Amino acid sequence: MERSAKSDTEFLASATVVVNSLEKELQRVSPNVRASWRALEIGCGSGRLLRPMCRHFLELHGVEISEALLQQAQEKLQNLPRVHVHLCEGVAFPVFADASIDFVYSYDFFPHVASSGMILDFLREIQRVLRPGALARLEFPGGHFTSHDLLEFAQRHQYQVLALEGAATPSLWTT
């Protein structure tokens, strides 16, 4: 196996645990329903999760703040016509209309966000783009964003928390 092919294979294989977690949450909805869904990955990086996740949706979008990573994603995903990546500047997703997304997920993005205030801004933007009844599966840094912060935000903004895992760990997951 070529070195670059091996590196790509290893890179994609490292996403297995996260993909399994996301797929477990998707079981809340029948495959027939989600086959017509539009989904969004926040902080898609070079596309490691977009490739395996695209099989679940009609359309999958990724947003990324790094132009270099976005370019890598475009190159790696060019053979997937239902996957689209976009540059995200700040905490807004202007390319998406209100209530236009059925599933949002994020892994290893929020730990790199500068403050809990910015995380809350991202959550407001996620709420804007989600359709009523949609799902979000998000990972947060347990260090500067706590389960209490998350539950308080959910209550104020009428989010229903379906799952909360890792509350006392560096990796807080919620659905």
C-alpha atoms as a PDB file:
ATOM      1  CA  MET A   1       0.000   0.000   0.000  1.00  0.00           C
ATOM      2  CA  GLU A   2       1.283   3.429  -0.884  1.00  0.00           C
ATOM      3  CA  ARG A   3       2.282   5.687   2.015  1.00  0.00           C
ATOM      4  CA  SER A   4      -0.345   8.362   1.275  1.00  0.00           C
ATOM      5  CA  ALA A   5      -3.070   5.741   0.761  1.00  0.00           C
ATOM      6  CA  LYS A   6      -2.102   4.078   4.026  1.00  0.00           C
ATOM      7  CA  SER A   7      -2.181   7.433   5.819  1.00  0.00           C
ATOM      8  CA  ASP A   8      -5.639   8.189   4.417  1.00  0.00           C
ATOM      9  CA  THR A   9      -6.879   4.743   5.419  1.00  0.00           C
ATOM     10  CA  GLU A  10      -5.538   5.116   8.960  1.00  0.00           C
ATOM     11  CA  PHE A  11      -6.977   8.629   9.186  1.00  0.00           C
ATOM     12  CA  LEU A  12     -10.449   7.489   8.113  1.00  0.00           C
ATOM     13  CA  ALA A  13     -10.310   4.420  10.370  1.00  0.00           C
ATOM     14  CA  SER A  14      -9.661   6.631  13.405  1.00  0.00           C
ATOM     15  CA  ALA A  15     -13.144   8.117  12.957  1.00  0.00           C
ATOM     16  CA  THR A  16     -14.890   4.782  13.595  1.00  0.00           C
ATOM     17  CA  VAL A  17     -15.749   5.403  17.257  1.00  0.00           C
ATOM     18  CA  VAL A  18     -17.250   8.826  16.515  1.00  0.00           C
ATOM     19  CA  VAL A  19     -19.191   7.565  13.489  1.00  0.00           C
ATOM     20  CA  ASN A  20     -20.586   4.688  15.584  1.00  0.00           C
ATOM     21  CA  SER A  21     -21.754   7.185  18.211  1.00  0.00           C
ATOM     22  CA  LEU A  22     -23.420   9.388  15.596  1.00  0.00           C
ATOM     23  CA  GLU A  23     -25.075   6.408  13.929  1.00  0.00           C
ATOM     24  CA  LYS A  24     -26.419   5.246  17.293  1.00  0.00           C
ATOM     25  CA  GLU A  25     -28.162   8.604  17.705  1.00  0.00           C
ATOM     26  CA  LEU A  26     -29.514   8.441  14.156  1.00  0.00           C
ATOM     27  CA  GLN A  27     -31.379   5.273  15.147  1.00  0.00           C
ATOM     28  CA  ARG A  28     -33.899   7.579  16.835  1.00  0.00           C
ATOM     29  CA  VAL A  29     -35.264   8.167  13.305  1.00  0.00           C
ATOM     30  CA  SER A  30     -36.113   5.587  10.663  1.00  0.00           C
ATOM     31  CA  PRO A  31     -33.680   5.253   7.747  1.00  0.00           C
ATOM     32  CA  ASN A  32     -36.517   6.056   5.319  1.00  0.00           C
ATOM     33  CA  VAL A  33     -37.101   9.419   6.995  1.00  0.00           C
ATOM     34  CA  ARG A  34     -33.459  10.454   7.276  1.00  0.00           C
ATOM     35  CA  ALA A  35     -32.783   9.464   3.668  1.00  0.00           C
ATOM     36  CA  SER A  36     -34.418  12.791   2.743  1.00  0.00           C
ATOM     37  CA  TRP A  37     -32.549  14.789   5.398  1.00  0.00           C
ATOM     38  CA  ARG A  38     -30.036  17.584   4.972  1.00  0.00           C
ATOM     39  CA  ALA A  39     -27.252  17.343   7.550  1.00  0.00           C
ATOM     40  CA  LEU A  40     -24.455  19.629   8.689  1.00  0.00           C
ATOM     41  CA  GLU A  41     -21.087  18.949  10.284  1.00  0.00           C
ATOM     42  CA  ILE A  42     -19.607  21.886  12.167  1.00  0.00           C
ATOM     43  CA  GLY A  43     -15.827  21.925  12.039  1.00  0.00           C
ATOM     44  CA  CYS A  44     -15.543  19.309   9.291  1.00  0.00           C
ATOM     45  CA  GLY A  45     -11.762  19.612   9.025  1.00  0.00           C
ATOM     46  CA  SER A  46     -10.461  17.650   6.089  1.00  0.00           C
ATOM     47  CA  GLY A  47     -13.639  15.570   5.801  1.00  0.00           C
ATOM     48  CA  ARG A  48     -12.825  12.536   7.914  1.00  0.00           C
ATOM     49  CA  LEU A  49     -16.427  12.171   9.192  1.00  0.00           C
ATOM     50  CA  LEU A  50     -18.196  13.492   6.099  1.00  0.00           C
ATOM     51  CA  ARG A  51     -17.236  10.491   3.977  1.00  0.00           C
ATOM     52  CA  PRO A  52     -18.735   7.761   6.199  1.00  0.00           C
ATOM     53  CA  MET A  53     -21.686   9.889   7.328  1.00  0.00           C
ATOM     54  CA  CYS A  54     -22.877  10.874   3.849  1.00  0.00           C
ATOM     55  CA  ARG A  55     -24.514   7.471   3.304  1.00  0.00           C
ATOM     56  CA  HIS A  56     -27.259   8.444   5.771  1.00  0.00           C
ATOM     57  CA  PHE A  57     -28.493  11.643   4.143  1.00  0.00           C
ATOM     58  CA  LEU A  58     -29.795  13.097   0.927  1.00  0.00           C
ATOM     59  CA  GLU A  59     -27.343  15.967   1.341  1.00  0.00           C
ATOM     60  CA  LEU A  60     -24.475  16.539   3.781  1.00  0.00           C
ATOM     61  CA  HIS A  61     -22.709  19.864   4.325  1.00  0.00           C
ATOM     62  CA  GLY A  62     -19.601  20.652   6.290  1.00  0.00           C
ATOM     63  CA  VAL A  63     -18.436  24.031   7.545  1.00  0.00           C
ATOM     64  CA  GLU A  64     -14.843  24.764   8.444  1.00  0.00           C
ATOM     65  CA  ILE A  65     -13.000  27.869   9.644  1.00  0.00           C
ATOM     66  CA  SER A  66      -9.598  26.833   8.255  1.00  0.00           C
ATOM     67  CA  GLU A  67      -9.150  27.467   4.537  1.00  0.00           C
ATOM     68  CA  ALA A  68      -6.335  24.908   4.374  1.00  0.00           C
ATOM     69  CA  LEU A  69      -8.488  22.157   5.911  1.00  0.00           C
ATOM     70  CA  LEU A  70     -11.416  23.143   3.710  1.00  0.00           C
ATOM     71  CA  GLN A  71      -9.229  22.748   0.620  1.00  0.00           C
ATOM     72  CA  GLN A  72      -8.144  19.284   1.815  1.00  0.00           C
ATOM     73  CA  ALA A  73     -11.799  18.316   2.321  1.00  0.00           C
ATOM     74  CA  GLN A  74     -12.703  19.516  -1.173  1.00  0.00           C
ATOM     75  CA  GLU A  75      -9.919  17.386  -2.653  1.00  0.00           C
ATOM     76  CA  LYS A  76     -10.708  14.271  -0.601  1.00  0.00           C
ATOM     77  CA  LEU A  77     -14.479  14.459  -1.136  1.00  0.00           C
ATOM     78  CA  GLN A  78     -14.672  15.530  -4.780  1.00  0.00           C
ATOM     79  CA  ASN A  79     -16.105  12.144  -5.795  1.00  0.00           C
ATOM     80  CA  LEU A  80     -19.087  12.517  -3.423  1.00  0.00           C
ATOM     81  CA  PRO A  81     -21.690  14.680  -5.195  1.00  0.00           C
ATOM     82  CA  ARG A  82     -24.031  14.892  -2.172  1.00  0.00           C
ATOM     83  CA  VAL A  83     -21.287  16.311   0.098  1.00  0.00           C
ATOM     84  CA  HIS A  84     -20.590  20.050   0.100  1.00  0.00           C
ATOM     85  CA  VAL A  85     -18.082  21.990   2.191  1.00  0.00           C
ATOM     86  CA  HIS A  86     -18.196  25.683   3.013  1.00  0.00           C
ATOM     87  CA  LEU A  87     -15.909  28.220   4.638  1.00  0.00           C
ATOM     88  CA  CYS A  88     -17.335  29.517   7.897  1.00  0.00           C
ATOM     89  CA  GLU A  89     -16.300  32.949   9.068  1.00  0.00           C
ATOM     90  CA  GLY A  90     -17.182  33.656  12.662  1.00  0.00           C
ATOM     91  CA  VAL A  91     -20.160  31.959  14.280  1.00  0.00           C
ATOM     92  CA  ALA A  92     -22.664  32.375  11.427  1.00  0.00           C
ATOM     93  CA  PHE A  93     -23.674  29.949   8.676  1.00  0.00           C
ATOM     94  CA  PRO A  94     -25.136  32.382   6.123  1.00  0.00           C
ATOM     95  CA  VAL A  95     -25.227  29.754   3.380  1.00  0.00           C
ATOM     96  CA  PHE A  96     -28.063  27.971   5.262  1.00  0.00           C
ATOM     97  CA  ALA A  97     -31.606  29.293   5.535  1.00  0.00           C
ATOM     98  CA  ASP A  98     -33.558  29.238   8.781  1.00  0.00           C
ATOM     99  CA  ALA A  99     -34.948  25.785   9.625  1.00  0.00           C
ATOM    100  CA  SER A 100     -33.206  24.128   6.664  1.00  0.00           C
ATOM    101  CA  ILE A 101     -31.164  21.391   8.389  1.00  0.00           C
ATOM    102  CA  ASP A 102     -32.417  18.110   9.898  1.00  0.00           C
ATOM    103  CA  PHE A 103     -29.276  16.886  11.700  1.00  0.00           C
ATOM    104  CA  VAL A 104     -26.240  18.779  12.978  1.00  0.00           C
ATOM    105  CA  TYR A 105     -23.187  17.138  14.466  1.00  0.00           C
ATOM    106  CA  SER A 106     -19.793  18.243  15.641  1.00  0.00           C
ATOM    107  CA  TYR A 107     -16.736  16.462  16.993  1.00  0.00           C
ATOM    108  CA  ASP A 108     -13.487  18.030  18.169  1.00  0.00           C
ATOM    109  CA  PHE A 109     -14.508  21.519  17.089  1.00  0.00           C
ATOM    110  CA  PHE A 110     -15.830  23.248  20.206  1.00  0.00           C
ATOM    111  CA  PRO A 111     -12.685  22.445  22.253  1.00  0.00           C
ATOM    112  CA  HIS A 112     -10.888  24.857  19.876  1.00  0.00           C
ATOM    113  CA  VAL A 113     -13.431  27.675  20.312  1.00  0.00           C
ATOM    114  CA  ALA A 114     -12.000  30.539  22.360  1.00  0.00           C
ATOM    115  CA  SER A 115     -14.741  31.008  24.945  1.00  0.00           C
ATOM    116  CA  SER A 116     -17.968  29.599  26.312  1.00  0.00           C
ATOM    117  CA  GLY A 117     -19.668  32.782  25.016  1.00  0.00           C
ATOM    118  CA  MET A 118     -18.641  31.866  21.466  1.00  0.00           C
ATOM    119  CA  ILE A 119     -19.911  28.327  22.011  1.00  0.00           C
ATOM    120  CA  LEU A 120     -23.279  29.781  23.024  1.00  0.00           C
ATOM    121  CA  ASP A 121     -23.248  31.917  19.853  1.00  0.00           C
ATOM    122  CA  PHE A 122     -22.672  28.764  17.794  1.00  0.00           C
ATOM    123  CA  LEU A 123     -25.552  27.057  19.628  1.00  0.00           C
ATOM    124  CA  ARG A 124     -27.858  29.943  18.718  1.00  0.00           C
ATOM    125  CA  GLU A 125     -26.819  29.630  15.083  1.00  0.00           C
ATOM    126  CA  ILE A 126     -27.378  25.865  15.217  1.00  0.00           C
ATOM    127  CA  GLN A 127     -30.843  26.512  16.602  1.00  0.00           C
ATOM    128  CA  ARG A 128     -31.533  28.937  13.744  1.00  0.00           C
ATOM    129  CA  VAL A 129     -30.697  26.420  11.014  1.00  0.00           C
ATOM    130  CA  LEU A 130     -32.346  23.368  12.614  1.00  0.00           C
ATOM    131  CA  ARG A 131     -35.862  22.447  11.567  1.00  0.00           C
ATOM    132  CA  PRO A 132     -38.383  21.861  14.362  1.00  0.00           C
ATOM    133  CA  GLY A 133     -37.938  18.297  15.597  1.00  0.00           C
ATOM    134  CA  ALA A 134     -34.420  18.039  14.162  1.00  0.00           C
ATOM    135  CA  LEU A 135     -31.491  16.438  16.004  1.00  0.00           C
ATOM    136  CA  ALA A 136     -28.084  17.738  17.033  1.00  0.00           C
ATOM    137  CA  ARG A 137     -25.253  15.550  18.353  1.00  0.00           C
ATOM    138  CA  LEU A 138     -22.473  17.748  19.686  1.00  0.00           C
ATOM    139  CA  GLU A 139     -19.249  17.312  21.628  1.00  0.00           C
ATOM    140  CA  PHE A 140     -18.150  20.095  23.980  1.00  0.00           C
ATOM    141  CA  PRO A 141     -15.016  20.669  26.014  1.00  0.00           C
ATOM    142  CA  GLY A 142     -15.800  19.697  29.595  1.00  0.00           C
ATOM    143  CA  GLY A 143     -13.193  22.171  30.823  1.00  0.00           C
ATOM    144  CA  HIS A 144     -14.844  25.509  30.045  1.00  0.00           C
ATOM    145  CA  PHE A 145     -18.356  24.459  29.070  1.00  0.00           C
ATOM    146  CA  THR A 146     -20.192  22.359  31.648  1.00  0.00           C
ATOM    147  CA  SER A 147     -23.295  20.193  31.584  1.00  0.00           C
ATOM    148  CA  HIS A 148     -24.942  22.874  33.747  1.00  0.00           C
ATOM    149  CA  ASP A 149     -24.190  25.523  31.075  1.00  0.00           C
ATOM    150  CA  LEU A 150     -25.625  23.266  28.415  1.00  0.00           C
ATOM    151  CA  LEU A 151     -28.790  22.372  30.334  1.00  0.00           C
ATOM    152  CA  GLU A 152     -29.388  26.021  31.209  1.00  0.00           C
ATOM    153  CA  PHE A 153     -29.043  27.013  27.537  1.00  0.00           C
ATOM    154  CA  ALA A 154     -31.350  24.171  26.496  1.00  0.00           C
ATOM    155  CA  GLN A 155     -34.039  25.265  28.909  1.00  0.00           C
ATOM    156  CA  ARG A 156     -33.861  28.945  27.877  1.00  0.00           C
ATOM    157  CA  HIS A 157     -33.962  28.112  24.152  1.00  0.00           C
ATOM    158  CA  GLN A 158     -36.465  25.244  24.218  1.00  0.00           C
ATOM    159  CA  TYR A 159     -34.027  22.498  23.280  1.00  0.00           C
ATOM    160  CA  GLN A 160     -34.981  19.024  24.451  1.00  0.00           C
ATOM    161  CA  VAL A 161     -31.918  17.205  25.802  1.00  0.00           C
ATOM    162  CA  LEU A 162     -32.182  13.526  24.827  1.00  0.00           C
ATOM    163  CA  ALA A 163     -28.717  12.432  25.978  1.00  0.00           C
ATOM    164  CA  LEU A 164     -25.906  13.896  28.059  1.00  0.00           C
ATOM    165  CA  GLU A 165     -22.719  11.865  28.399  1.00  0.00           C
ATOM    166  CA  GLY A 166     -19.306  12.504  29.904  1.00  0.00           C
ATOM    167  CA  ALA A 167     -20.440  15.332  32.192  1.00  0.00           C
ATOM    168  CA  ALA A 168     -17.392  15.026  34.449  1.00  0.00           C
ATOM    169  CA  THR A 169     -14.896  14.369  31.655  1.00  0.00           C
ATOM    170  CA  PRO A 170     -13.008  16.514  29.138  1.00  0.00           C
ATOM    171  CA  SER A 171     -15.462  15.376  26.431  1.00  0.00           C
ATOM    172  CA  LEU A 172     -19.114  16.267  27.051  1.00  0.00           C
ATOM    173  CA  TRP A 173     -21.516  14.823  24.460  1.00  0.00           C
ATOM    174  CA  THR A 174     -25.148  15.764  24.079  1.00  0.00           C
ATOM    175  CA  THR A 175     -28.056  15.022  21.781  1.00  0.00           C
END
